[in-house]
Amino acid sequence: MSNPTVIIYTSKKCEESAVLRQFLRDNNIEFRDRNIDMDYDAREQMNNILKAGNKTPAMTIGAKTFVGFERNSKAIKKELGIK
């Protein structure tokens, strides 16, 4: 079974975005980082499709969406198979 696609939506000003990036790197999780500060399409997708309302970080793991890392860390770890 292949790993789900992980896409994160981040902002340079968001400390939690940096924490999420490091968490994924530390756990050898491949991800695509879409910075909403520089990528209008990413900002639009985050707001219109994910309904994140400019709240970073937001992420998709396969078909599941999470807004915020710290408050969703248990669910994110479970979805990624991390203990």
N, C-alpha and C. Protein backbone atom coordinates (compact mmCIF):
# COMPACT_ATOMS: atom_id res chain seq x y z
N MET A 1 0.84 -1.18 0.00
CA MET A 1 0.00 0.00 0.00
C MET A 1 0.89 1.24 0.00
N SER A 2 0.59 2.20 -0.84
CA SER A 2 1.42 3.39 -0.93
C SER A 2 1.00 4.40 0.13
N ASN A 3 1.93 5.30 0.43
CA ASN A 3 1.66 6.35 1.40
C ASN A 3 0.73 7.39 0.78
N PRO A 4 -0.14 7.98 1.60
CA PRO A 4 -1.03 9.02 1.07
C PRO A 4 -0.23 10.27 0.73
N THR A 5 -0.75 11.06 -0.19
CA THR A 5 -0.13 12.33 -0.54
C THR A 5 -0.38 13.32 0.59
N VAL A 6 0.70 13.99 1.01
CA VAL A 6 0.61 14.98 2.08
C VAL A 6 0.93 16.34 1.48
N ILE A 7 -0.01 17.26 1.62
CA ILE A 7 0.18 18.64 1.16
C ILE A 7 -0.06 19.54 2.35
N ILE A 8 0.89 20.45 2.59
CA ILE A 8 0.71 21.40 3.69
C ILE A 8 0.62 22.80 3.12
N TYR A 9 -0.21 23.60 3.75
CA TYR A 9 -0.41 25.00 3.37
C TYR A 9 0.12 25.83 4.52
N THR A 10 1.17 26.62 4.24
CA THR A 10 1.89 27.32 5.29
C THR A 10 2.04 28.80 4.98
N SER A 11 2.50 29.52 6.00
CA SER A 11 2.79 30.94 5.89
C SER A 11 4.13 31.20 6.57
N LYS A 12 4.91 32.11 6.02
CA LYS A 12 6.20 32.45 6.62
C LYS A 12 6.05 32.99 8.03
N LYS A 13 4.95 33.67 8.31
CA LYS A 13 4.74 34.31 9.61
C LYS A 13 4.22 33.36 10.68
N CYS A 14 3.93 32.14 10.31
CA CYS A 14 3.28 31.18 11.21
C CYS A 14 4.31 30.24 11.82
N GLU A 15 4.52 30.37 13.14
CA GLU A 15 5.48 29.48 13.83
C GLU A 15 5.02 28.03 13.80
N GLU A 16 3.72 27.82 13.88
CA GLU A 16 3.19 26.45 13.87
C GLU A 16 3.46 25.77 12.52
N SER A 17 3.53 26.55 11.44
CA SER A 17 3.87 25.99 10.13
C SER A 17 5.29 25.42 10.16
N ALA A 18 6.20 26.14 10.79
CA ALA A 18 7.59 25.66 10.91
C ALA A 18 7.65 24.39 11.75
N VAL A 19 6.86 24.33 12.81
CA VAL A 19 6.81 23.14 13.67
C VAL A 19 6.30 21.95 12.87
N LEU A 20 5.26 22.15 12.07
CA LEU A 20 4.71 21.07 11.25
C LEU A 20 5.74 20.58 10.24
N ARG A 21 6.40 21.50 9.56
CA ARG A 21 7.43 21.11 8.58
C ARG A 21 8.49 20.23 9.25
N GLN A 22 8.97 20.67 10.40
CA GLN A 22 10.03 19.92 11.10
C GLN A 22 9.53 18.56 11.56
N PHE A 23 8.30 18.50 12.03
CA PHE A 23 7.70 17.23 12.45
C PHE A 23 7.69 16.24 11.29
N LEU A 24 7.25 16.71 10.12
CA LEU A 24 7.20 15.82 8.95
C LEU A 24 8.59 15.37 8.54
N ARG A 25 9.55 16.29 8.55
CA ARG A 25 10.94 15.92 8.22
C ARG A 25 11.49 14.91 9.22
N ASP A 26 11.28 15.16 10.50
CA ASP A 26 11.79 14.27 11.54
C ASP A 26 11.22 12.86 11.42
N ASN A 27 10.03 12.74 10.86
CA ASN A 27 9.39 11.44 10.71
C ASN A 27 9.47 10.89 9.29
N ASN A 28 10.34 11.49 8.48
CA ASN A 28 10.58 11.04 7.11
C ASN A 28 9.31 10.94 6.28
N ILE A 29 8.43 11.93 6.44
CA ILE A 29 7.19 11.99 5.68
C ILE A 29 7.40 12.94 4.51
N GLU A 30 7.22 12.44 3.31
CA GLU A 30 7.32 13.31 2.13
C GLU A 30 6.09 14.19 2.07
N PHE A 31 6.31 15.46 1.74
CA PHE A 31 5.19 16.40 1.67
C PHE A 31 5.48 17.47 0.63
N ARG A 32 4.40 18.08 0.20
CA ARG A 32 4.48 19.24 -0.69
C ARG A 32 4.07 20.45 0.12
N ASP A 33 4.93 21.46 0.14
CA ASP A 33 4.68 22.68 0.91
C ASP A 33 4.18 23.77 -0.01
N ARG A 34 2.97 24.25 0.23
CA ARG A 34 2.38 25.33 -0.57
C ARG A 34 2.28 26.56 0.31
N ASN A 35 3.15 27.53 0.07
CA ASN A 35 3.21 28.74 0.86
C ASN A 35 2.15 29.73 0.36
N ILE A 36 1.19 30.04 1.21
CA ILE A 36 0.09 30.91 0.78
C ILE A 36 0.49 32.38 0.65
N ASP A 37 1.66 32.73 1.20
CA ASP A 37 2.15 34.11 1.07
C ASP A 37 2.55 34.42 -0.36
N MET A 38 3.04 33.41 -1.08
CA MET A 38 3.58 33.62 -2.42
C MET A 38 2.76 32.95 -3.52
N ASP A 39 1.87 32.06 -3.16
CA ASP A 39 1.15 31.26 -4.14
C ASP A 39 -0.36 31.53 -4.01
N TYR A 40 -0.87 32.39 -4.88
CA TYR A 40 -2.28 32.78 -4.83
C TYR A 40 -3.19 31.57 -5.01
N ASP A 41 -2.83 30.67 -5.91
CA ASP A 41 -3.64 29.47 -6.13
C ASP A 41 -3.72 28.62 -4.86
N ALA A 42 -2.60 28.52 -4.14
CA ALA A 42 -2.60 27.75 -2.89
C ALA A 42 -3.52 28.40 -1.87
N ARG A 43 -3.45 29.74 -1.77
CA ARG A 43 -4.33 30.46 -0.83
C ARG A 43 -5.79 30.25 -1.19
N GLU A 44 -6.10 30.32 -2.46
CA GLU A 44 -7.48 30.13 -2.92
C GLU A 44 -7.96 28.71 -2.62
N GLN A 45 -7.12 27.73 -2.91
CA GLN A 45 -7.50 26.34 -2.64
C GLN A 45 -7.70 26.12 -1.14
N MET A 46 -6.81 26.66 -0.33
CA MET A 46 -6.91 26.50 1.10
C MET A 46 -8.22 27.09 1.63
N ASN A 47 -8.60 28.25 1.13
CA ASN A 47 -9.81 28.92 1.62
C ASN A 47 -11.08 28.37 1.00
N ASN A 48 -11.10 28.15 -0.29
CA ASN A 48 -12.33 27.73 -0.97
C ASN A 48 -12.62 26.25 -0.87
N ILE A 49 -11.59 25.44 -0.97
CA ILE A 49 -11.80 23.99 -0.97
C ILE A 49 -11.68 23.41 0.43
N LEU A 50 -10.62 23.79 1.14
CA LEU A 50 -10.39 23.23 2.46
C LEU A 50 -11.17 23.98 3.55
N LYS A 51 -11.67 25.16 3.22
CA LYS A 51 -12.42 25.99 4.17
C LYS A 51 -11.58 26.32 5.41
N ALA A 52 -10.29 26.61 5.20
CA ALA A 52 -9.38 26.89 6.31
C ALA A 52 -9.39 28.35 6.74
N GLY A 53 -9.92 29.24 5.92
CA GLY A 53 -10.04 30.63 6.30
C GLY A 53 -8.73 31.32 6.63
N ASN A 54 -7.71 31.12 5.81
CA ASN A 54 -6.38 31.72 6.01
C ASN A 54 -5.71 31.28 7.31
N LYS A 55 -6.14 30.18 7.90
CA LYS A 55 -5.52 29.67 9.11
C LYS A 55 -4.46 28.65 8.73
N THR A 56 -3.22 28.97 9.06
CA THR A 56 -2.14 28.04 8.77
C THR A 56 -1.59 27.49 10.07
N PRO A 57 -1.03 26.29 10.02
CA PRO A 57 -0.96 25.45 8.84
C PRO A 57 -2.25 24.66 8.64
N ALA A 58 -2.51 24.38 7.41
CA ALA A 58 -3.58 23.46 7.04
C ALA A 58 -2.91 22.35 6.25
N MET A 59 -3.51 21.19 6.25
CA MET A 59 -2.88 20.10 5.49
C MET A 59 -3.92 19.10 5.04
N THR A 60 -3.56 18.42 3.97
CA THR A 60 -4.34 17.28 3.53
C THR A 60 -3.45 16.05 3.58
N ILE A 61 -4.03 14.98 4.03
CA ILE A 61 -3.37 13.67 4.01
C ILE A 61 -4.34 12.79 3.24
N GLY A 62 -3.99 12.53 1.99
CA GLY A 62 -4.95 11.84 1.13
C GLY A 62 -6.18 12.71 0.99
N ALA A 63 -7.34 12.19 1.37
CA ALA A 63 -8.59 12.94 1.25
C ALA A 63 -8.99 13.65 2.54
N LYS A 64 -8.20 13.49 3.61
CA LYS A 64 -8.54 14.10 4.89
C LYS A 64 -7.87 15.45 5.05
N THR A 65 -8.60 16.38 5.68
CA THR A 65 -8.12 17.75 5.88
C THR A 65 -7.98 18.04 7.36
N PHE A 66 -6.89 18.74 7.70
CA PHE A 66 -6.65 19.17 9.07
C PHE A 66 -6.27 20.64 9.04
N VAL A 67 -6.84 21.43 9.94
CA VAL A 67 -6.50 22.85 10.06
C VAL A 67 -5.90 23.04 11.45
N GLY A 68 -4.64 23.41 11.48
CA GLY A 68 -3.91 23.52 12.74
C GLY A 68 -3.17 22.23 13.02
N PHE A 69 -1.93 22.35 13.46
CA PHE A 69 -1.14 21.15 13.76
C PHE A 69 -1.27 20.75 15.22
N GLU A 70 -1.02 21.68 16.12
CA GLU A 70 -0.98 21.32 17.54
C GLU A 70 -2.30 20.73 18.02
N ARG A 71 -3.41 21.32 17.65
CA ARG A 71 -4.70 20.80 18.14
C ARG A 71 -5.11 19.51 17.45
N ASN A 72 -4.50 19.19 16.31
CA ASN A 72 -4.83 17.96 15.57
C ASN A 72 -3.69 16.95 15.55
N SER A 73 -2.68 17.16 16.37
CA SER A 73 -1.48 16.31 16.27
C SER A 73 -1.77 14.82 16.47
N LYS A 74 -2.65 14.48 17.40
CA LYS A 74 -2.96 13.05 17.62
C LYS A 74 -3.60 12.44 16.37
N ALA A 75 -4.56 13.13 15.79
CA ALA A 75 -5.24 12.62 14.59
C ALA A 75 -4.29 12.56 13.41
N ILE A 76 -3.41 13.54 13.29
CA ILE A 76 -2.43 13.57 12.19
C ILE A 76 -1.46 12.41 12.34
N LYS A 77 -0.96 12.18 13.54
CA LYS A 77 -0.05 11.06 13.77
C LYS A 77 -0.73 9.74 13.44
N LYS A 78 -1.97 9.60 13.87
CA LYS A 78 -2.72 8.37 13.58
C LYS A 78 -2.88 8.17 12.07
N GLU A 79 -3.24 9.24 11.38
CA GLU A 79 -3.45 9.16 9.93
C GLU A 79 -2.15 8.80 9.20
N LEU A 80 -1.02 9.27 9.73
CA LEU A 80 0.28 9.00 9.11
C LEU A 80 0.93 7.71 9.62
N GLY A 81 0.30 7.06 10.60
CA GLY A 81 0.85 5.82 11.15
C GLY A 81 2.06 6.06 12.04
N ILE A 82 2.10 7.19 12.73
CA ILE A 82 3.20 7.55 13.63
C ILE A 82 2.73 7.39 15.06
N LYS A 83 3.55 6.74 15.87
CA LYS A 83 3.19 6.53 17.28
C LYS A 83 3.77 7.60 18.15
